[in-house]
Amino acid sequence: MATTQSGTNVVYQEKVRPSVGMWILVVVAAASTALMVLPVWKLGTIILPVISFVLFAWWLNSLTLTIIVTQRQLFVGEAHIDRRFVPGATAYDGDEARAARGVDLDARAFLKIRPWVKPVVRIELDDDNDPTPYWLVSTRRPKELAAALTP
């Protein structure tokens, strides 16, 4: 994770972690590996699900998205941009969020979306040297993030 510049205050911070439903899928996927090896390796019905769960859990946890807004910068995962290039942001929820992630999506947009979080925030960019028109970011608190980014 990138570090914030010294002397700046954090205005907004959020960790977008996997939902309970995703963790249930990981448990079911790991447990199902026992059925694959049951006919050929009895001990494997214990070992393989444990190893699978650890690997699946590590992978799922790696998809956690960290969002930090400071007075000077915006960090979304490993990506960051100076706030002077962010003129504003718009929060979307429900059908609007579905459209923003689908039919209204610009192919040039930078995406940090997660399937287990439906609301998104469209973060407008104003940088002549960057062809990316906006960032689309999953968040559980879209209105708060948009407010933190709107001057």
C-alpha atoms as a PDB file:
ATOM      1  CA  MET A   1       0.000   0.000   0.000  1.00  0.00           C
ATOM      2  CA  ALA A   2       1.276   3.418  -0.898  1.00  0.00           C
ATOM      3  CA  THR A   3       1.914   5.793   1.963  1.00  0.00           C
ATOM      4  CA  THR A   4       0.357   9.205   2.353  1.00  0.00           C
ATOM      5  CA  GLN A   5       2.481  12.349   2.312  1.00  0.00           C
ATOM      6  CA  SER A   6       3.469  13.707   5.677  1.00  0.00           C
ATOM      7  CA  GLY A   7       1.503  16.676   6.896  1.00  0.00           C
ATOM      8  CA  THR A   8      -1.763  15.679   5.216  1.00  0.00           C
ATOM      9  CA  ASN A   9      -4.925  14.705   7.035  1.00  0.00           C
ATOM     10  CA  VAL A  10      -6.987  11.687   6.072  1.00  0.00           C
ATOM     11  CA  VAL A  11     -10.439  12.906   5.045  1.00  0.00           C
ATOM     12  CA  TYR A  12     -11.962   9.494   4.272  1.00  0.00           C
ATOM     13  CA  GLN A  13     -10.819   5.901   4.692  1.00  0.00           C
ATOM     14  CA  GLU A  14     -12.490   2.588   3.901  1.00  0.00           C
ATOM     15  CA  LYS A  15     -11.561  -1.047   3.469  1.00  0.00           C
ATOM     16  CA  VAL A  16     -13.884  -2.849   1.053  1.00  0.00           C
ATOM     17  CA  ARG A  17     -13.625  -6.423   2.329  1.00  0.00           C
ATOM     18  CA  PRO A  18     -15.249  -9.539   0.831  1.00  0.00           C
ATOM     19  CA  SER A  19     -18.814 -10.215   1.932  1.00  0.00           C
ATOM     20  CA  VAL A  20     -19.977 -13.096   4.108  1.00  0.00           C
ATOM     21  CA  GLY A  21     -21.420 -14.761   0.995  1.00  0.00           C
ATOM     22  CA  MET A  22     -17.978 -14.823  -0.640  1.00  0.00           C
ATOM     23  CA  TRP A  23     -16.485 -16.440   2.460  1.00  0.00           C
ATOM     24  CA  ILE A  24     -19.223 -19.085   2.383  1.00  0.00           C
ATOM     25  CA  LEU A  25     -18.298 -19.829  -1.231  1.00  0.00           C
ATOM     26  CA  VAL A  26     -14.665 -20.248  -0.196  1.00  0.00           C
ATOM     27  CA  VAL A  27     -15.642 -22.730   2.529  1.00  0.00           C
ATOM     28  CA  VAL A  28     -17.874 -24.694   0.127  1.00  0.00           C
ATOM     29  CA  ALA A  29     -15.174 -24.731  -2.566  1.00  0.00           C
ATOM     30  CA  ALA A  30     -12.539 -25.932  -0.106  1.00  0.00           C
ATOM     31  CA  ALA A  31     -14.853 -28.607   1.328  1.00  0.00           C
ATOM     32  CA  SER A  32     -15.722 -29.867  -2.139  1.00  0.00           C
ATOM     33  CA  THR A  33     -12.079 -30.733  -2.757  1.00  0.00           C
ATOM     34  CA  ALA A  34     -12.499 -33.532  -0.220  1.00  0.00           C
ATOM     35  CA  LEU A  35     -15.011 -35.226  -2.525  1.00  0.00           C
ATOM     36  CA  MET A  36     -12.539 -35.166  -5.405  1.00  0.00           C
ATOM     37  CA  VAL A  37      -9.863 -37.134  -3.574  1.00  0.00           C
ATOM     38  CA  LEU A  38     -12.085 -39.357  -1.397  1.00  0.00           C
ATOM     39  CA  PRO A  39     -11.944 -42.386  -3.723  1.00  0.00           C
ATOM     40  CA  VAL A  40      -8.152 -42.372  -3.989  1.00  0.00           C
ATOM     41  CA  TRP A  41      -6.714 -40.749  -0.868  1.00  0.00           C
ATOM     42  CA  LYS A  42      -8.509 -40.963   2.492  1.00  0.00           C
ATOM     43  CA  LEU A  43      -6.025 -38.713   4.325  1.00  0.00           C
ATOM     44  CA  GLY A  44      -6.387 -36.193   1.495  1.00  0.00           C
ATOM     45  CA  THR A  45     -10.015 -35.618   2.464  1.00  0.00           C
ATOM     46  CA  ILE A  46      -8.625 -33.716   5.463  1.00  0.00           C
ATOM     47  CA  ILE A  47      -5.395 -32.268   4.088  1.00  0.00           C
ATOM     48  CA  LEU A  48      -6.627 -30.975   0.725  1.00  0.00           C
ATOM     49  CA  PRO A  49      -9.626 -28.988   2.047  1.00  0.00           C
ATOM     50  CA  VAL A  50      -7.421 -27.294   4.664  1.00  0.00           C
ATOM     51  CA  ILE A  51      -4.795 -26.350   2.080  1.00  0.00           C
ATOM     52  CA  SER A  52      -7.488 -25.248  -0.369  1.00  0.00           C
ATOM     53  CA  PHE A  53      -9.197 -23.103   2.259  1.00  0.00           C
ATOM     54  CA  VAL A  54      -5.944 -21.377   3.164  1.00  0.00           C
ATOM     55  CA  LEU A  55      -5.174 -20.643  -0.500  1.00  0.00           C
ATOM     56  CA  PHE A  56      -8.731 -19.527  -1.332  1.00  0.00           C
ATOM     57  CA  ALA A  57      -8.863 -17.341   1.809  1.00  0.00           C
ATOM     58  CA  TRP A  58      -5.504 -15.752   0.973  1.00  0.00           C
ATOM     59  CA  TRP A  59      -6.703 -15.027  -2.569  1.00  0.00           C
ATOM     60  CA  LEU A  60     -10.058 -13.605  -1.429  1.00  0.00           C
ATOM     61  CA  ASN A  61      -8.411 -11.455   1.238  1.00  0.00           C
ATOM     62  CA  SER A  62      -6.004 -10.092  -1.397  1.00  0.00           C
ATOM     63  CA  LEU A  63      -9.041  -8.617  -3.180  1.00  0.00           C
ATOM     64  CA  THR A  64      -9.722  -6.265  -0.253  1.00  0.00           C
ATOM     65  CA  LEU A  65      -9.775  -2.722  -1.582  1.00  0.00           C
ATOM     66  CA  THR A  66      -8.390   0.147   0.489  1.00  0.00           C
ATOM     67  CA  ILE A  67      -9.641   3.666  -0.265  1.00  0.00           C
ATOM     68  CA  ILE A  68      -7.928   6.668   1.332  1.00  0.00           C
ATOM     69  CA  VAL A  69      -8.713  10.297   0.621  1.00  0.00           C
ATOM     70  CA  THR A  70      -6.334  12.902   2.003  1.00  0.00           C
ATOM     71  CA  GLN A  71      -6.283  16.646   1.511  1.00  0.00           C
ATOM     72  CA  ARG A  72      -3.769  16.209  -1.341  1.00  0.00           C
ATOM     73  CA  GLN A  73      -4.240  12.711  -2.780  1.00  0.00           C
ATOM     74  CA  LEU A  74      -6.647   9.890  -3.501  1.00  0.00           C
ATOM     75  CA  PHE A  75      -5.517   6.286  -3.040  1.00  0.00           C
ATOM     76  CA  VAL A  76      -7.558   3.379  -4.379  1.00  0.00           C
ATOM     77  CA  GLY A  77      -5.665   0.144  -3.853  1.00  0.00           C
ATOM     78  CA  GLU A  78      -2.206   0.689  -5.356  1.00  0.00           C
ATOM     79  CA  ALA A  79      -3.388   3.510  -7.627  1.00  0.00           C
ATOM     80  CA  HIS A  80      -3.160   7.124  -6.527  1.00  0.00           C
ATOM     81  CA  ILE A  81      -3.749  10.563  -7.996  1.00  0.00           C
ATOM     82  CA  ASP A  82      -3.377  14.133  -6.806  1.00  0.00           C
ATOM     83  CA  ARG A  83      -6.657  15.708  -5.727  1.00  0.00           C
ATOM     84  CA  ARG A  84      -6.046  18.707  -8.007  1.00  0.00           C
ATOM     85  CA  PHE A  85      -6.953  16.394 -10.934  1.00  0.00           C
ATOM     86  CA  VAL A  86     -10.244  15.369  -9.283  1.00  0.00           C
ATOM     87  CA  PRO A  87     -12.923  18.028  -9.865  1.00  0.00           C
ATOM     88  CA  GLY A  88     -15.687  15.938  -8.289  1.00  0.00           C
ATOM     89  CA  ALA A  89     -17.355  12.590  -7.775  1.00  0.00           C
ATOM     90  CA  THR A  90     -20.827  11.104  -8.113  1.00  0.00           C
ATOM     91  CA  ALA A  91     -22.317   8.329  -5.955  1.00  0.00           C
ATOM     92  CA  TYR A  92     -24.394   5.606  -7.608  1.00  0.00           C
ATOM     93  CA  ASP A  93     -26.539   2.948  -5.980  1.00  0.00           C
ATOM     94  CA  GLY A  94     -29.104   0.406  -7.201  1.00  0.00           C
ATOM     95  CA  ASP A  95     -30.013   0.598 -10.896  1.00  0.00           C
ATOM     96  CA  GLU A  96     -27.781   3.627 -11.405  1.00  0.00           C
ATOM     97  CA  ALA A  97     -24.773   1.657 -10.125  1.00  0.00           C
ATOM     98  CA  ARG A  98     -25.646  -1.270 -12.381  1.00  0.00           C
ATOM     99  CA  ALA A  99     -25.785   1.065 -15.387  1.00  0.00           C
ATOM    100  CA  ALA A 100     -22.505   2.758 -14.387  1.00  0.00           C
ATOM    101  CA  ARG A 101     -20.798  -0.651 -14.244  1.00  0.00           C
ATOM    102  CA  GLY A 102     -22.474  -1.828 -17.460  1.00  0.00           C
ATOM    103  CA  VAL A 103     -24.149   0.026 -20.324  1.00  0.00           C
ATOM    104  CA  ASP A 104     -22.902   3.502 -19.328  1.00  0.00           C
ATOM    105  CA  LEU A 105     -19.296   2.378 -18.774  1.00  0.00           C
ATOM    106  CA  ASP A 106     -16.576   4.064 -20.815  1.00  0.00           C
ATOM    107  CA  ALA A 107     -13.967   1.528 -21.984  1.00  0.00           C
ATOM    108  CA  ARG A 108     -11.199   3.988 -21.066  1.00  0.00           C
ATOM    109  CA  ALA A 109     -12.277   4.231 -17.415  1.00  0.00           C
ATOM    110  CA  PHE A 110     -10.089   2.950 -14.589  1.00  0.00           C
ATOM    111  CA  LEU A 111     -12.012   0.273 -12.673  1.00  0.00           C
ATOM    112  CA  LYS A 112     -11.642  -0.860  -9.093  1.00  0.00           C
ATOM    113  CA  ILE A 113     -14.943  -2.638  -8.664  1.00  0.00           C
ATOM    114  CA  ARG A 114     -15.783  -5.701  -6.623  1.00  0.00           C
ATOM    115  CA  PRO A 115     -18.722  -8.013  -7.400  1.00  0.00           C
ATOM    116  CA  TRP A 116     -19.815  -8.266  -3.762  1.00  0.00           C
ATOM    117  CA  VAL A 117     -20.302  -4.480  -3.408  1.00  0.00           C
ATOM    118  CA  LYS A 118     -22.997  -2.969  -5.620  1.00  0.00           C
ATOM    119  CA  PRO A 119     -22.671   0.808  -4.939  1.00  0.00           C
ATOM    120  CA  VAL A 120     -19.973   2.664  -6.878  1.00  0.00           C
ATOM    121  CA  VAL A 121     -18.540   6.159  -7.069  1.00  0.00           C
ATOM    122  CA  ARG A 122     -17.581   7.747 -10.364  1.00  0.00           C
ATOM    123  CA  ILE A 123     -14.533   9.940  -9.766  1.00  0.00           C
ATOM    124  CA  GLU A 124     -14.118  12.494 -12.539  1.00  0.00           C
ATOM    125  CA  LEU A 125     -10.608  13.347 -13.762  1.00  0.00           C
ATOM    126  CA  ASP A 126      -9.387  16.588 -15.273  1.00  0.00           C
ATOM    127  CA  ASP A 127      -5.869  15.901 -16.570  1.00  0.00           C
ATOM    128  CA  ASP A 128      -4.959  16.744 -20.155  1.00  0.00           C
ATOM    129  CA  ASN A 129      -2.095  14.221 -20.104  1.00  0.00           C
ATOM    130  CA  ASP A 130      -4.289  11.305 -18.991  1.00  0.00           C
ATOM    131  CA  PRO A 131      -6.728   9.671 -21.453  1.00  0.00           C
ATOM    132  CA  THR A 132      -8.661   8.106 -18.553  1.00  0.00           C
ATOM    133  CA  PRO A 133     -11.948  10.029 -18.227  1.00  0.00           C
ATOM    134  CA  TYR A 134     -12.848   8.776 -14.752  1.00  0.00           C
ATOM    135  CA  TRP A 135     -12.318   6.142 -12.079  1.00  0.00           C
ATOM    136  CA  LEU A 136     -15.157   3.822 -11.071  1.00  0.00           C
ATOM    137  CA  VAL A 137     -14.698   2.509  -7.531  1.00  0.00           C
ATOM    138  CA  SER A 138     -16.750   0.087  -5.417  1.00  0.00           C
ATOM    139  CA  THR A 139     -17.618   1.381  -1.959  1.00  0.00           C
ATOM    140  CA  ARG A 140     -20.068   0.550   0.792  1.00  0.00           C
ATOM    141  CA  ARG A 141     -20.449   4.255   1.633  1.00  0.00           C
ATOM    142  CA  PRO A 142     -20.824   5.967  -1.759  1.00  0.00           C
ATOM    143  CA  LYS A 143     -22.302   9.248  -0.516  1.00  0.00           C
ATOM    144  CA  GLU A 144     -19.536   9.761   2.055  1.00  0.00           C
ATOM    145  CA  LEU A 145     -16.785   9.027  -0.491  1.00  0.00           C
ATOM    146  CA  ALA A 146     -18.339  11.330  -3.091  1.00  0.00           C
ATOM    147  CA  ALA A 147     -18.689  14.083  -0.470  1.00  0.00           C
ATOM    148  CA  ALA A 148     -15.047  13.685   0.545  1.00  0.00           C
ATOM    149  CA  LEU A 149     -13.963  14.130  -3.083  1.00  0.00           C
ATOM    150  CA  THR A 150     -16.264  17.007  -4.023  1.00  0.00           C
ATOM    151  CA  PRO A 151     -14.829  20.446  -3.255  1.00  0.00           C
END
